[in-house]
C-alpha atoms as a PDB file:
ATOM      1  CA  MET A   1     -45.262  95.487 -75.304  1.00  0.00           C
ATOM      2  CA  ALA A   2     -43.780  97.369 -72.364  1.00  0.00           C
ATOM      3  CA  GLU A   3     -40.782  99.589 -73.086  1.00  0.00           C
ATOM      4  CA  ARG A   4     -38.613  97.474 -70.755  1.00  0.00           C
ATOM      5  CA  ASP A   5     -39.384  94.421 -72.921  1.00  0.00           C
ATOM      6  CA  ARG A   6     -38.162  96.059 -76.130  1.00  0.00           C
ATOM      7  CA  VAL A   7     -34.661  95.281 -77.373  1.00  0.00           C
ATOM      8  CA  LEU A   8     -32.961  97.172 -80.183  1.00  0.00           C
ATOM      9  CA  SER A   9     -31.562  94.960 -82.916  1.00  0.00           C
ATOM     10  CA  ASP A  10     -28.183  96.097 -84.196  1.00  0.00           C
ATOM     11  CA  GLN A  11     -27.009  93.267 -86.444  1.00  0.00           C
ATOM     12  CA  VAL A  12     -28.055  90.409 -84.125  1.00  0.00           C
ATOM     13  CA  ILE A  13     -27.596  87.156 -86.082  1.00  0.00           C
ATOM     14  CA  CYS A  14     -29.812  84.067 -85.837  1.00  0.00           C
ATOM     15  CA  SER A  15     -28.523  81.310 -83.531  1.00  0.00           C
ATOM     16  CA  ARG A  16     -29.590  78.446 -85.846  1.00  0.00           C
ATOM     17  CA  ALA A  17     -26.598  76.542 -87.226  1.00  0.00           C
ATOM     18  CA  GLN A  18     -25.513  77.671 -90.703  1.00  0.00           C
ATOM     19  CA  CYS A  19     -27.871  80.706 -90.631  1.00  0.00           C
ATOM     20  CA  SER A  20     -26.534  84.226 -91.106  1.00  0.00           C
ATOM     21  CA  ALA A  21     -29.870  86.063 -91.276  1.00  0.00           C
ATOM     22  CA  LEU A  22     -30.690  88.977 -89.002  1.00  0.00           C
ATOM     23  CA  ALA A  23     -32.663  88.013 -85.902  1.00  0.00           C
ATOM     24  CA  VAL A  24     -36.181  89.353 -85.317  1.00  0.00           C
ATOM     25  CA  CYS A  25     -36.530  88.060 -81.748  1.00  0.00           C
ATOM     26  CA  LEU A  26     -34.692  86.706 -78.731  1.00  0.00           C
ATOM     27  CA  ILE A  27     -35.751  83.416 -77.167  1.00  0.00           C
ATOM     28  CA  HIS A  28     -35.009  83.212 -73.438  1.00  0.00           C
ATOM     29  CA  TRP A  29     -35.124  79.684 -72.059  1.00  0.00           C
ATOM     30  CA  ARG A  30     -33.838  77.464 -69.292  1.00  0.00           C
ATOM     31  CA  ASN A  31     -33.530  73.779 -68.535  1.00  0.00           C
ATOM     32  CA  PRO A  32     -35.189  73.482 -65.113  1.00  0.00           C
ATOM     33  CA  GLN A  33     -33.241  70.293 -64.357  1.00  0.00           C
ATOM     34  CA  ILE A  34     -29.893  72.108 -64.401  1.00  0.00           C
ATOM     35  CA  HIS A  35     -30.595  75.871 -64.317  1.00  0.00           C
ATOM     36  CA  PRO A  36     -31.841  77.646 -61.176  1.00  0.00           C
ATOM     37  CA  GLU A  37     -35.014  79.749 -61.422  1.00  0.00           C
ATOM     38  CA  GLY A  38     -33.230  83.068 -62.065  1.00  0.00           C
ATOM     39  CA  ARG A  39     -30.865  81.818 -64.795  1.00  0.00           C
ATOM     40  CA  HIS A  40     -31.692  81.580 -68.472  1.00  0.00           C
ATOM     41  CA  LYS A  41     -29.989  81.178 -71.822  1.00  0.00           C
ATOM     42  CA  THR A  42     -30.769  83.266 -74.887  1.00  0.00           C
ATOM     43  CA  TRP A  43     -30.983  82.359 -78.538  1.00  0.00           C
ATOM     44  CA  ALA A  44     -31.597  84.847 -81.340  1.00  0.00           C
ATOM     45  CA  ALA A  45     -33.947  83.816 -84.160  1.00  0.00           C
ATOM     46  CA  CYS A  46     -34.671  85.041 -87.674  1.00  0.00           C
ATOM     47  CA  THR A  47     -38.155  84.866 -89.182  1.00  0.00           C
ATOM     48  CA  ASP A  48     -37.443  81.502 -90.834  1.00  0.00           C
ATOM     49  CA  HIS A  49     -36.115  79.803 -87.674  1.00  0.00           C
ATOM     50  CA  ARG A  50     -38.215  81.355 -84.911  1.00  0.00           C
ATOM     51  CA  GLY A  51     -40.781  78.543 -84.963  1.00  0.00           C
ATOM     52  CA  PHE A  52     -38.175  75.779 -85.226  1.00  0.00           C
ATOM     53  CA  LEU A  53     -36.092  77.034 -82.294  1.00  0.00           C
ATOM     54  CA  THR A  54     -39.122  77.765 -80.099  1.00  0.00           C
ATOM     55  CA  ASP A  55     -40.734  74.388 -80.843  1.00  0.00           C
ATOM     56  CA  TYR A  56     -37.442  72.592 -80.140  1.00  0.00           C
ATOM     57  CA  LEU A  57     -37.364  74.056 -76.622  1.00  0.00           C
ATOM     58  CA  VAL A  58     -41.090  73.796 -75.856  1.00  0.00           C
ATOM     59  CA  ASN A  59     -41.179  70.129 -76.936  1.00  0.00           C
ATOM     60  CA  ARG A  60     -38.535  69.429 -74.288  1.00  0.00           C
ATOM     61  CA  GLY A  61     -40.630  71.093 -71.587  1.00  0.00           C
ATOM     62  CA  PHE A  62     -38.335  74.098 -71.136  1.00  0.00           C
ATOM     63  CA  PRO A  63     -39.837  77.436 -70.038  1.00  0.00           C
ATOM     64  CA  VAL A  64     -39.582  79.834 -72.997  1.00  0.00           C
ATOM     65  CA  GLN A  65     -40.100  83.598 -73.367  1.00  0.00           C
ATOM     66  CA  VAL A  66     -39.882  85.326 -76.761  1.00  0.00           C
ATOM     67  CA  VAL A  67     -38.959  89.026 -76.963  1.00  0.00           C
ATOM     68  CA  GLU A  68     -39.324  90.863 -80.268  1.00  0.00           C
ATOM     69  CA  LEU A  69     -36.365  92.894 -81.508  1.00  0.00           C
ATOM     70  CA  SER A  70     -36.937  96.422 -82.786  1.00  0.00           C
ATOM     71  CA  GLN A  71     -35.122  96.996 -86.051  1.00  0.00           C
ATOM     72  CA  PRO A  72     -33.063 100.218 -86.266  1.00  0.00           C
ATOM     73  CA  GLY A  73     -35.046 102.874 -88.109  1.00  0.00           C
ATOM     74  CA  GLY A  74     -38.236 100.873 -87.748  1.00  0.00           C
ATOM     75  CA  PRO A  75     -41.418 101.812 -85.889  1.00  0.00           C
ATOM     76  CA  ALA A  76     -41.080 102.126 -82.116  1.00  0.00           C
END
């Protein structure tokens, strides 16, 4: 992973409803029917909800990019 693609996690919480777990990744996505090419939305996902949130978007045909979060004090 390139250094520019790394994001430091400092208490980022999962975007899934009713979840308060720490996120392990960010999911960048856009709806091509309403968002121009350069615009995207971002959801944070914990380990348990990463697959659910990604699949939800991919099944709707939305472009998706997942970026891993680096945990503070963890390996670089």
